[in-house]
Amino acid sequence: MDRNSVTGFLLLIGLLIGYVVYNNYEQKKYLEQKHTDSVANAKVHPKPLAPVAAAPGVTPATDSLNDSIQNSLPAAYRGQAQTVVLQNKDLAVGFSTKGAYPVSAELKNYRTSDKKPLYLFNGAGNQFSALLPANNNTVATSDLFYTAKQDSTTNGSRSITFSADMGEGKAVHLTYTLPVEGYMMNCNLRLTGMSAATLSTTWQTQALHTEKDLETERNNAQVYYHFQNGDADYFSFIRTEKEKLESPVHWIGYRLQYFSTALVSESKNFSNVTVSGNATSPDKNVVAVSKNTFDLPLSGTEPTANLRWYMGPNHYKTLRSYGIDLDEMVPLGYGMMAFVKYINKGLIIPIFNILSGFISNYGVIIMLMTLIIRLILSFFTYKSYLSSAKMRVLKPEIDELRAKHGDDQQKFSMEQMKLFRTAGVNPLGGCLPTLFQLPILFAMYYFFPSSIELRQEKFLWADDLSTYDSIANLPFNIPFYGDHVSLFTLLMTASSLFLALYNRNMTPQDPNNPMLKWMPYIFPFMLIGVFNKMAAALTFYYFFSNMLSILQQFIIQKYIINEKTIHAQIQENKNKPATPSKWAQKLEEIQKAQMNRTNPPKKN
């Protein structure tokens, strides 16, 4: 006879000789079985009691018996799951009375790409659960049933308290509070009749598809974490599926392309943290699943933990307002290009915010931003064009040196450097100003695809500046290109090629570097497949920037730079005693040393 049969037999005998006498005993047995199942995290429900033959003269009453058992259990172990909603102006959070954790989060001010209500997460794939100490065993908060009570305060915030009575003076209370507006929810967990310093906790979120391109969403799925010492880092689902953190963590954030959810420890002490996740779900409605485990610290005579729970947009200003570096989840520059995030924070974002304060058309804002940035960089642009003009003036003399020395490249290089020095021309004068402009280009590369303000904003033929524009959807996929045609990308490529041709006519070419000659024409085609999937705001910016470069270069070279004046100045410099720079001296010494190694002087 198996265990369930024995239990059923004992229950039936107990009913015959006096159910009231054995009620407490049976309750204890049931709780012990429940605790054992919880600690093992059993996925299979216990088998129902096996039918037992009724004693002579006794009518079986199995249904009423089971109802009696259920009614005798503490409230935390019986009930039916229901959904309760706590909401404010911006956010509506749905909770289950079984587990007392958020099962859905609707962002009221946003819509999905197909104009439906936007849920950051919704459904059974979400969980927040802690293991509680009970009778030398553990029970998960997600396995308990709770009663819910909603309240409001004088300042307009609303709260909901979930309480689970576990019997024998033990209870767990979870209180969630939302302000009148905003996306940050306070969470308070309090234990009664139980003692613990930490709780082993699991937080799982199944993020839903909200944007136009699922692949881009999955590529952007990351878990960010902010350490107790102030450092921040992130975990990418593409790089790996699991990572163990060595140091205590202040907060853990799960970032999608334009929305995030984050858990913040008020004590700054999530310990023993493991972050994991994957973005390979066959369900196209699911972007990725993040599962994080950690030890939740408790304090006080009634063990208590205070948390904050963010569920909202990746809006830089909003995240920054909380003062705990949640804005690190907005990818304004990372990896080798981490330095450009300071350009975005100190220059690009302030300009963008000022312009968007009184201009509603974001296409116009992008054009004005481009003009402002061009004005800021105009000094470097002028220096670059001036250096190119000097090189054009010296080209006949350089050609003479090249013809004079033929294949002796080292001798030609030394004579060329001497010519530059006597003429007062810096050969790097055209490169350095251009290099100073590159950080701005990289900053824009991160800024536009990360700006939620551009989401679902229309401009010209683009329906959404935060994703690619498409003038034609192809019935097939072209490798390294895609299944659509982005007109802004084509315009960006065409303008890049035109700019390269224009520069070729205005800049002296080095016949000894054929790759350098053709690279400006090859490079746009190398990137066309990458930018075909990029945000329309970014490709439009690059296109408009190219057009301004062409116009700016034409004006400077046509009306500002006078090559005759430059030639006269160079000839005047040649008559002055040359004072070579330390860099030029060092370069000349290197060239001489190399020549001596190649052609050592002959001994007499």
Foldseek 3Di string as FASTA:
>chain_A
DDPLQVLVVVLLVCVVVDVVVCLVVNQVVVVVVQLVCQQVVDPDDDDHRDDDDDDPPDDDDVPVSVVVNQVSFFQFQDDDWDWDWFDAPFWIFIAIQQLRDTQWIWGQVDAFAVRHTDIQGHDDQWHKWWWFDDPNGTHISNRTGWDKDKDADPQGKIKIKTKGDRDPFWIKIWMWIDGNDAFKIKIKIWITPGDDFWIKIKTKGFGFHRYDDLVQQLQLWKKKWAALVGDIDIGHQVVDFKDWDDGFTQKIKTDTQWWIKMKGWPVRGFARKMKGKHQDDPDSGTRIMIMMITIFGFDDPGTMTMMMMGTTTLAQVSLVVVVSPSVVSQPLADDPGNVLSCVCVVPVVVLLVVVVVPDVAVVVSLLVSLVVVCVVLVVLVLQLLQLQLLCVLCVVVLVVLCVVVPPPVLVSVLVVLVLCQLLVHDNCSNPVSVVVCVSVLVSLVRPLLRHCSQAQRDDDQARGQNWAGFPAAAPDADPLAGRGAGPLLVLLLVLQQVLLVVVPVSGDDDPVCVCVNCVSNVVSVNCSRVCNTGGNSSSNSSNSSSVVSVVSSCCCVPPPDDSVVSSVSSVVSNPDDGDDDPVSVVVSVVSVVVVCVVPPDDDD
